[in-house]
Amino acid sequence: MALVVLSATAVRMPALNLSTLIPLAVVVGVVYLLQRNGLQVWHAIVCLVLGVVLSGTFVGPQISSFLSQLSGGFLH
């Protein structure tokens, strides 16, 4: 029986870079601070679900471009 080792290139996984980690770190930090000040888990789940639903509507690309302009292009 042969042992198969999968590398990142074999699986075609994108490499993590700084431009993807910065927004993630900001979101995690904000959620942590909100949770310390009274955010409950179900509030975060509802916001996440509503954000996913909103991004799937016709307003999603406009929100994305607006947030990209606010961040100076780091979100695109």
N, C-alpha and C. Protein backbone atom coordinates (compact mmCIF):
# COMPACT_ATOMS: atom_id res chain seq x y z
N MET A 1 0.85 -1.17 0.00
CA MET A 1 0.00 0.00 0.00
C MET A 1 0.90 1.23 0.00
N ALA A 2 0.64 2.14 -0.92
CA ALA A 2 1.48 3.33 -1.07
C ALA A 2 0.88 4.48 -0.27
N LEU A 3 1.77 5.27 0.31
CA LEU A 3 1.37 6.44 1.05
C LEU A 3 1.35 7.64 0.11
N VAL A 4 0.20 8.31 0.03
CA VAL A 4 0.06 9.45 -0.88
C VAL A 4 0.15 10.72 -0.05
N VAL A 5 1.06 11.59 -0.44
CA VAL A 5 1.23 12.87 0.23
C VAL A 5 0.72 13.95 -0.71
N LEU A 6 -0.27 14.71 -0.23
CA LEU A 6 -0.84 15.78 -1.04
C LEU A 6 -0.20 17.10 -0.66
N SER A 7 0.29 17.78 -1.63
CA SER A 7 0.84 19.11 -1.39
C SER A 7 -0.19 20.15 -1.76
N ALA A 8 0.11 21.41 -1.46
CA ALA A 8 -0.82 22.49 -1.78
C ALA A 8 -1.01 22.63 -3.29
N THR A 9 0.01 22.31 -4.07
CA THR A 9 -0.13 22.42 -5.52
C THR A 9 -0.96 21.27 -6.08
N ALA A 10 -0.91 20.11 -5.46
CA ALA A 10 -1.69 18.98 -5.94
C ALA A 10 -3.17 19.18 -5.66
N VAL A 11 -3.51 19.83 -4.58
CA VAL A 11 -4.90 20.03 -4.20
C VAL A 11 -5.44 21.33 -4.80
N ARG A 12 -4.57 22.20 -5.27
CA ARG A 12 -4.92 23.50 -5.85
C ARG A 12 -5.53 24.44 -4.81
N MET A 13 -4.95 24.45 -3.62
CA MET A 13 -5.39 25.36 -2.58
C MET A 13 -4.66 26.68 -2.74
N PRO A 14 -5.38 27.81 -2.62
CA PRO A 14 -4.68 29.09 -2.72
C PRO A 14 -3.82 29.33 -1.48
N ALA A 15 -2.70 29.96 -1.67
CA ALA A 15 -1.82 30.26 -0.55
C ALA A 15 -2.40 31.43 0.25
N LEU A 16 -2.23 31.36 1.55
CA LEU A 16 -2.66 32.47 2.40
C LEU A 16 -1.65 33.59 2.28
N ASN A 17 -2.14 34.79 2.07
CA ASN A 17 -1.25 35.93 2.04
C ASN A 17 -1.78 36.99 2.99
N LEU A 18 -1.04 38.05 3.13
CA LEU A 18 -1.38 39.08 4.11
C LEU A 18 -2.69 39.78 3.78
N SER A 19 -3.02 39.92 2.51
CA SER A 19 -4.25 40.63 2.14
C SER A 19 -5.50 39.84 2.52
N THR A 20 -5.40 38.53 2.71
CA THR A 20 -6.56 37.77 3.16
C THR A 20 -6.59 37.65 4.68
N LEU A 21 -5.46 37.78 5.33
CA LEU A 21 -5.42 37.63 6.78
C LEU A 21 -5.80 38.91 7.53
N ILE A 22 -5.54 40.08 6.95
CA ILE A 22 -5.85 41.34 7.64
C ILE A 22 -7.35 41.52 7.86
N PRO A 23 -8.21 41.36 6.84
CA PRO A 23 -9.66 41.49 7.12
C PRO A 23 -10.16 40.43 8.10
N LEU A 24 -9.61 39.23 8.01
CA LEU A 24 -10.01 38.18 8.94
C LEU A 24 -9.63 38.55 10.36
N ALA A 25 -8.44 39.08 10.56
CA ALA A 25 -8.00 39.48 11.89
C ALA A 25 -8.85 40.62 12.44
N VAL A 26 -9.24 41.55 11.58
CA VAL A 26 -10.09 42.66 12.02
C VAL A 26 -11.46 42.14 12.45
N VAL A 27 -12.04 41.25 11.67
CA VAL A 27 -13.35 40.69 12.00
C VAL A 27 -13.28 39.91 13.31
N VAL A 28 -12.25 39.10 13.47
CA VAL A 28 -12.11 38.32 14.71
C VAL A 28 -11.94 39.26 15.90
N GLY A 29 -11.16 40.31 15.74
CA GLY A 29 -10.97 41.27 16.83
C GLY A 29 -12.25 41.98 17.22
N VAL A 30 -13.02 42.40 16.22
CA VAL A 30 -14.28 43.09 16.50
C VAL A 30 -15.27 42.16 17.19
N VAL A 31 -15.37 40.93 16.70
CA VAL A 31 -16.29 39.96 17.33
C VAL A 31 -15.86 39.67 18.76
N TYR A 32 -14.55 39.56 18.99
CA TYR A 32 -14.06 39.31 20.35
C TYR A 32 -14.43 40.47 21.28
N LEU A 33 -14.21 41.70 20.83
CA LEU A 33 -14.55 42.85 21.66
C LEU A 33 -16.05 42.95 21.91
N LEU A 34 -16.84 42.68 20.88
CA LEU A 34 -18.29 42.72 21.06
C LEU A 34 -18.76 41.63 22.00
N GLN A 35 -18.13 40.47 21.93
CA GLN A 35 -18.54 39.36 22.80
C GLN A 35 -18.21 39.68 24.25
N ARG A 36 -17.11 40.35 24.48
CA ARG A 36 -16.76 40.75 25.85
C ARG A 36 -17.75 41.76 26.40
N ASN A 37 -18.37 42.53 25.51
CA ASN A 37 -19.29 43.58 25.93
C ASN A 37 -20.76 43.20 25.76
N GLY A 38 -21.08 41.92 25.60
CA GLY A 38 -22.46 41.50 25.61
C GLY A 38 -22.99 40.84 24.35
N LEU A 39 -22.17 40.67 23.30
CA LEU A 39 -22.66 39.99 22.10
C LEU A 39 -22.82 38.50 22.42
N GLN A 40 -23.98 37.99 22.13
CA GLN A 40 -24.20 36.56 22.35
C GLN A 40 -23.93 35.81 21.06
N VAL A 41 -23.71 34.51 21.18
CA VAL A 41 -23.35 33.69 20.03
C VAL A 41 -24.46 33.72 18.98
N TRP A 42 -25.70 33.65 19.40
CA TRP A 42 -26.78 33.62 18.42
C TRP A 42 -26.90 34.96 17.69
N HIS A 43 -26.51 36.08 18.33
CA HIS A 43 -26.50 37.35 17.62
C HIS A 43 -25.49 37.31 16.47
N ALA A 44 -24.32 36.76 16.74
CA ALA A 44 -23.28 36.66 15.71
C ALA A 44 -23.72 35.74 14.58
N ILE A 45 -24.41 34.64 14.91
CA ILE A 45 -24.87 33.71 13.88
C ILE A 45 -25.92 34.38 12.99
N VAL A 46 -26.85 35.12 13.59
CA VAL A 46 -27.87 35.81 12.81
C VAL A 46 -27.22 36.85 11.89
N CYS A 47 -26.26 37.61 12.41
CA CYS A 47 -25.57 38.60 11.57
C CYS A 47 -24.82 37.93 10.43
N LEU A 48 -24.18 36.81 10.69
CA LEU A 48 -23.46 36.08 9.66
C LEU A 48 -24.41 35.59 8.57
N VAL A 49 -25.52 35.00 8.96
CA VAL A 49 -26.49 34.49 7.99
C VAL A 49 -27.08 35.63 7.16
N LEU A 50 -27.44 36.72 7.82
CA LEU A 50 -28.00 37.85 7.09
C LEU A 50 -26.96 38.48 6.15
N GLY A 51 -25.70 38.49 6.54
CA GLY A 51 -24.64 38.98 5.67
C GLY A 51 -24.47 38.13 4.43
N VAL A 52 -24.55 36.81 4.60
CA VAL A 52 -24.44 35.90 3.45
C VAL A 52 -25.63 36.07 2.52
N VAL A 53 -26.83 36.20 3.09
CA VAL A 53 -28.02 36.40 2.27
C VAL A 53 -27.94 37.74 1.52
N LEU A 54 -27.50 38.79 2.21
CA LEU A 54 -27.39 40.10 1.59
C LEU A 54 -26.34 40.11 0.47
N SER A 55 -25.25 39.38 0.66
CA SER A 55 -24.22 39.36 -0.38
C SER A 55 -24.69 38.63 -1.63
N GLY A 56 -25.70 37.78 -1.52
CA GLY A 56 -26.23 37.07 -2.67
C GLY A 56 -27.27 37.86 -3.46
N THR A 57 -27.65 39.03 -2.97
CA THR A 57 -28.63 39.84 -3.68
C THR A 57 -27.94 40.77 -4.66
N PHE A 58 -28.72 41.59 -5.33
CA PHE A 58 -28.15 42.53 -6.30
C PHE A 58 -27.33 43.63 -5.63
N VAL A 59 -27.45 43.79 -4.32
CA VAL A 59 -26.71 44.82 -3.60
C VAL A 59 -25.31 44.35 -3.23
N GLY A 60 -25.05 43.05 -3.29
CA GLY A 60 -23.77 42.49 -2.88
C GLY A 60 -22.56 43.10 -3.57
N PRO A 61 -22.52 43.18 -4.90
CA PRO A 61 -21.36 43.78 -5.55
C PRO A 61 -21.16 45.25 -5.19
N GLN A 62 -22.23 45.98 -4.97
CA GLN A 62 -22.11 47.38 -4.59
C GLN A 62 -21.52 47.52 -3.19
N ILE A 63 -21.94 46.65 -2.28
CA ILE A 63 -21.38 46.66 -0.93
C ILE A 63 -19.90 46.31 -0.98
N SER A 64 -19.55 45.32 -1.79
CA SER A 64 -18.16 44.92 -1.91
C SER A 64 -17.28 46.04 -2.45
N SER A 65 -17.75 46.73 -3.47
CA SER A 65 -16.95 47.83 -4.01
C SER A 65 -16.86 48.98 -3.03
N PHE A 66 -17.93 49.25 -2.28
CA PHE A 66 -17.90 50.31 -1.27
C PHE A 66 -16.89 50.00 -0.17
N LEU A 67 -16.90 48.75 0.33
CA LEU A 67 -15.96 48.35 1.37
C LEU A 67 -14.52 48.34 0.84
N SER A 68 -14.35 48.01 -0.43
CA SER A 68 -13.03 48.04 -1.02
C SER A 68 -12.52 49.47 -1.11
N GLN A 69 -13.38 50.40 -1.44
CA GLN A 69 -12.97 51.81 -1.50
C GLN A 69 -12.63 52.33 -0.10
N LEU A 70 -13.40 51.92 0.89
CA LEU A 70 -13.13 52.35 2.26
C LEU A 70 -11.79 51.81 2.76
N SER A 71 -11.46 50.58 2.38
CA SER A 71 -10.23 49.96 2.87
C SER A 71 -9.02 50.31 2.04
N GLY A 72 -9.19 51.10 1.01
CA GLY A 72 -8.07 51.47 0.15
C GLY A 72 -7.67 50.37 -0.81
N GLY A 73 -8.58 49.47 -1.12
CA GLY A 73 -8.32 48.40 -2.07
C GLY A 73 -7.81 47.12 -1.45
N PHE A 74 -7.74 47.02 -0.13
CA PHE A 74 -7.21 45.81 0.51
C PHE A 74 -8.19 44.65 0.50
N LEU A 75 -9.48 44.91 0.28
CA LEU A 75 -10.47 43.83 0.31
C LEU A 75 -10.71 43.20 -1.04
N HIS A 76 -10.08 43.70 -2.08
CA HIS A 76 -10.26 43.12 -3.41
C HIS A 76 -9.04 42.44 -3.86
